[in-house]
Amino acid sequence: TDTYITGTIPYQMGLKSTWDAYQNMGIGGENSLDTKNRFQADAIDLSPQAIVIHTGWNGIRTGAVTKAQYITHIDNMMSLGNSNSIPLVFLQNSPLSDATITDALHTTAQEWIEALLTEIDTQAGRNQYVQQRGWSGKKRASGPAGNLWDMGTGYNSGDGLHFNNTGKERQAHALWVANTAVEKVIST
C-alpha cells in the first residue's frame, strides 16, 4: 500500500489485497462535480488498473448537485474510464447515523443509487458497483424501502458521519470481498 495512515480505507485495503498500491485521491467534502472536474488529472492520468469511486452523500446532503447532474458527472467519469480501458468500481454510499440524515435523505440516496445502477448497465464498459452496507452498517427497523441501514455499532467516530478505524477496516473488507469481481473485470 502507498499510505501508512492506518485510519484510511486504502491502508486497510492494502493489508488485505495482493494489489501493489492504492492511492486515495478523495477530498473530503467534495461532490460529484468537484470529482469530475479533477478526474482526468487526479485519476485517469495516473493509469491505474481500476478506480474506486465513493461518492454521493455530499451532493445529497448539501443539495449542491441534482440527481441528473450527479448521473451526468458519473457518466462523464465512466466515459473517461472506458476510453482509457480503466474500469470504475462504485462503492455504495456508507450507512450514516447522523441525526441530520433523515428518511427523506435516505430515500434520495436510494434513488441516486438506482439511477447509478441504471447508468452502469447502459454504459459499455467494465464498471462495477459494490454493496457495502452489510459490512459496515446495521439494519434498522424503519425508514425508506431499500435503505434501512445505519452506521454499525462500534464503527462510528462519534459524529454519525465518519467511520473510525474499525469502520474503515470493514469498508475495506467490503472492497476486498469485491476484489475478485474487480480482478475479473481487470482481466477481461
Protein backbone atom coordinates (compact mmCIF):
# COMPACT_ATOMS: atom_id res chain seq x y z
CA THR A 1 0.00 0.00 0.00
CA ASP A 2 1.19 3.55 -0.62
CA THR A 3 -0.16 5.07 2.57
CA TYR A 4 0.80 4.41 6.16
CA ILE A 5 -2.16 6.25 7.64
CA THR A 6 -3.91 3.41 9.45
CA GLY A 7 -7.23 5.27 9.59
CA THR A 8 -7.75 5.10 5.83
CA ILE A 9 -9.58 2.65 3.62
CA PRO A 10 -6.54 2.38 1.25
CA TYR A 11 -4.28 1.36 4.14
CA GLN A 12 -6.75 -1.24 5.38
CA MET A 13 -7.31 -2.49 1.83
CA GLY A 14 -3.56 -2.79 1.31
CA LEU A 15 -3.35 -5.17 4.26
CA LYS A 16 -5.90 -7.47 2.59
CA SER A 17 -5.09 -7.40 -1.10
CA THR A 18 -2.36 -8.57 -3.42
CA TRP A 19 -2.57 -5.39 -5.48
CA ASP A 20 0.62 -3.36 -5.48
CA ALA A 21 -0.68 0.05 -4.47
CA TYR A 22 -3.69 2.10 -3.52
CA GLN A 23 -3.82 5.83 -3.80
CA ASN A 24 -6.58 7.71 -2.05
CA MET A 25 -7.36 10.72 -4.24
CA GLY A 26 -10.58 11.58 -2.41
CA ILE A 27 -11.03 15.02 -0.95
CA GLY A 28 -13.41 15.31 1.99
CA GLY A 29 -16.49 17.41 1.36
CA GLU A 30 -16.37 17.16 -2.42
CA ASN A 31 -19.42 16.40 -4.52
CA SER A 32 -19.57 14.66 -7.90
CA LEU A 33 -18.92 17.90 -9.82
CA ASP A 34 -15.71 18.50 -7.90
CA THR A 35 -14.58 14.93 -8.51
CA LYS A 36 -15.49 15.07 -12.21
CA ASN A 37 -13.56 18.32 -12.66
CA ARG A 38 -10.30 16.77 -11.44
CA PHE A 39 -10.92 13.19 -12.58
CA GLN A 40 -8.66 13.29 -15.66
CA ALA A 41 -5.64 14.73 -13.85
CA ASP A 42 -6.07 13.01 -10.49
CA ALA A 43 -7.20 9.57 -11.65
CA ILE A 44 -7.08 8.78 -15.39
CA ASP A 45 -3.65 10.32 -15.98
CA LEU A 46 -2.19 8.01 -13.30
CA SER A 47 -3.07 4.98 -15.50
CA PRO A 48 -4.41 2.81 -12.66
CA GLN A 49 -5.67 -0.76 -13.02
CA ALA A 50 -9.05 0.35 -11.66
CA ILE A 51 -10.61 3.37 -9.98
CA VAL A 52 -12.82 3.09 -6.91
CA ILE A 53 -15.30 5.93 -6.53
CA HIS A 54 -17.08 6.54 -3.24
CA THR A 55 -19.42 9.42 -3.92
CA GLY A 56 -22.94 10.64 -3.39
CA TRP A 57 -23.62 11.75 0.16
CA ASN A 58 -22.08 15.22 -0.08
CA GLY A 59 -24.22 16.14 -3.08
CA ILE A 60 -27.34 14.75 -1.42
CA ARG A 61 -26.70 16.40 1.96
CA THR A 62 -25.79 19.82 0.62
CA GLY A 63 -28.05 19.96 -2.42
CA ALA A 64 -25.01 21.14 -4.40
CA VAL A 65 -25.91 18.86 -7.31
CA THR A 66 -29.14 17.31 -8.53
CA LYS A 67 -29.58 13.62 -9.28
CA ALA A 68 -29.49 14.43 -13.01
CA GLN A 69 -26.23 16.36 -12.58
CA TYR A 70 -24.79 13.54 -10.46
CA ILE A 71 -25.55 10.99 -13.19
CA THR A 72 -24.09 13.31 -15.85
CA HIS A 73 -20.89 13.62 -13.79
CA ILE A 74 -20.71 9.85 -13.24
CA ASP A 75 -21.39 9.24 -16.95
CA ASN A 76 -18.51 11.58 -17.82
CA MET A 77 -16.16 9.71 -15.49
CA MET A 78 -17.27 6.31 -16.83
CA SER A 79 -16.71 7.52 -20.40
CA LEU A 80 -13.18 8.63 -19.50
CA GLY A 81 -12.53 5.30 -17.80
CA ASN A 82 -13.94 3.32 -20.72
CA SER A 83 -11.99 5.28 -23.33
CA ASN A 84 -8.79 4.62 -21.35
CA SER A 85 -9.62 0.94 -20.61
CA ILE A 86 -9.83 1.65 -16.86
CA PRO A 87 -12.78 0.05 -15.05
CA LEU A 88 -14.57 2.07 -12.40
CA VAL A 89 -15.82 0.48 -9.20
CA PHE A 90 -18.52 2.43 -7.41
CA LEU A 91 -18.65 1.93 -3.66
CA GLN A 92 -22.15 2.33 -2.29
CA ASN A 93 -22.93 5.30 -0.06
CA SER A 94 -21.90 4.49 3.50
CA PRO A 95 -24.60 3.92 6.10
CA LEU A 96 -24.83 7.00 8.31
CA SER A 97 -26.25 7.57 11.78
CA ASP A 98 -26.12 11.35 11.98
CA ALA A 99 -29.44 12.80 13.10
CA THR A 100 -29.45 15.16 10.11
CA ILE A 101 -29.73 12.16 7.76
CA THR A 102 -33.50 12.00 7.56
CA ASP A 103 -35.59 9.29 5.97
CA ALA A 104 -36.11 11.72 3.07
CA LEU A 105 -32.33 11.90 2.52
CA HIS A 106 -32.06 8.11 2.73
CA THR A 107 -34.85 7.87 0.12
CA THR A 108 -32.98 10.35 -2.08
CA ALA A 109 -29.79 8.29 -1.68
CA GLN A 110 -31.65 5.16 -2.75
CA GLU A 111 -32.99 6.97 -5.84
CA TRP A 112 -29.46 8.09 -6.74
CA ILE A 113 -28.16 4.54 -6.28
CA GLU A 114 -30.86 3.19 -8.58
CA ALA A 115 -30.04 5.84 -11.18
CA LEU A 116 -26.34 4.98 -10.87
CA LEU A 117 -27.05 1.27 -11.36
CA THR A 118 -29.13 2.05 -14.45
CA GLU A 119 -26.30 4.18 -15.83
CA ILE A 120 -23.73 1.44 -15.18
CA ASP A 121 -25.98 -1.04 -17.01
CA THR A 122 -26.37 1.25 -20.04
CA GLN A 123 -22.66 2.09 -20.37
CA ALA A 124 -20.49 -0.19 -22.45
CA GLY A 125 -17.54 -0.95 -20.24
CA ARG A 126 -16.25 -2.88 -17.29
CA ASN A 127 -17.77 -0.86 -14.46
CA GLN A 128 -18.95 -2.42 -11.20
CA TYR A 129 -20.99 -1.50 -8.15
CA VAL A 130 -20.04 -2.72 -4.66
CA GLN A 131 -22.60 -3.16 -1.90
CA GLN A 132 -21.03 -2.37 1.47
CA ARG A 133 -23.93 -1.86 3.88
CA GLY A 134 -23.77 -5.32 5.39
CA TRP A 135 -20.08 -4.90 6.20
CA SER A 136 -20.19 -1.54 7.96
CA GLY A 137 -23.83 -0.97 8.81
CA LYS A 138 -26.64 -2.29 10.93
CA LYS A 139 -30.17 -2.78 9.76
CA ARG A 140 -32.82 -0.56 11.34
CA ALA A 141 -36.49 -1.31 11.83
CA SER A 142 -37.94 1.61 9.89
CA GLY A 143 -37.15 4.00 7.10
CA PRO A 144 -37.38 4.14 3.33
CA ALA A 145 -37.55 0.84 1.50
CA GLY A 146 -34.16 -0.34 0.28
CA ASN A 147 -32.21 1.84 2.69
CA LEU A 148 -32.79 0.52 6.19
CA TRP A 149 -29.20 0.89 7.36
CA ASP A 150 -27.34 2.94 9.94
CA MET A 151 -23.67 3.09 10.76
CA GLY A 152 -22.76 -0.07 12.62
CA THR A 153 -22.21 -0.07 16.37
CA GLY A 154 -18.53 0.36 17.11
CA TYR A 155 -17.76 1.86 13.69
CA ASN A 156 -18.73 5.48 14.42
CA SER A 157 -16.02 8.09 15.01
CA GLY A 158 -18.51 9.95 17.17
CA ASP A 159 -20.26 12.25 14.72
CA GLY A 160 -22.53 9.77 12.93
CA LEU A 161 -20.95 10.71 9.60
CA HIS A 162 -17.41 9.36 9.65
CA PHE A 163 -16.15 5.88 10.37
CA ASN A 164 -13.46 5.14 12.93
CA ASN A 165 -10.51 2.84 12.10
CA THR A 166 -12.59 -0.28 12.73
CA GLY A 167 -15.33 1.02 10.43
CA LYS A 168 -12.78 1.80 7.72
CA GLU A 169 -11.43 -1.71 8.05
CA ARG A 170 -14.98 -3.02 7.47
CA GLN A 171 -15.34 -0.80 4.40
CA ALA A 172 -12.00 -2.08 3.14
CA HIS A 173 -13.25 -5.61 3.77
CA ALA A 174 -16.28 -4.91 1.55
CA LEU A 175 -13.87 -3.83 -1.19
CA TRP A 176 -11.68 -6.85 -0.59
CA VAL A 177 -14.65 -9.20 -0.91
CA ALA A 178 -15.47 -7.43 -4.17
CA ASN A 179 -11.80 -7.71 -5.18
CA THR A 180 -12.48 -10.96 -7.00
CA ALA A 181 -15.05 -9.23 -9.17
CA VAL A 182 -12.71 -6.27 -9.71
CA GLU A 183 -9.82 -8.53 -10.72
CA LYS A 184 -12.15 -10.40 -13.07
CA VAL A 185 -13.11 -7.06 -14.63
CA ILE A 186 -9.47 -6.01 -14.97
CA SER A 187 -8.52 -9.27 -16.66
CA THR A 188 -11.26 -9.03 -19.31
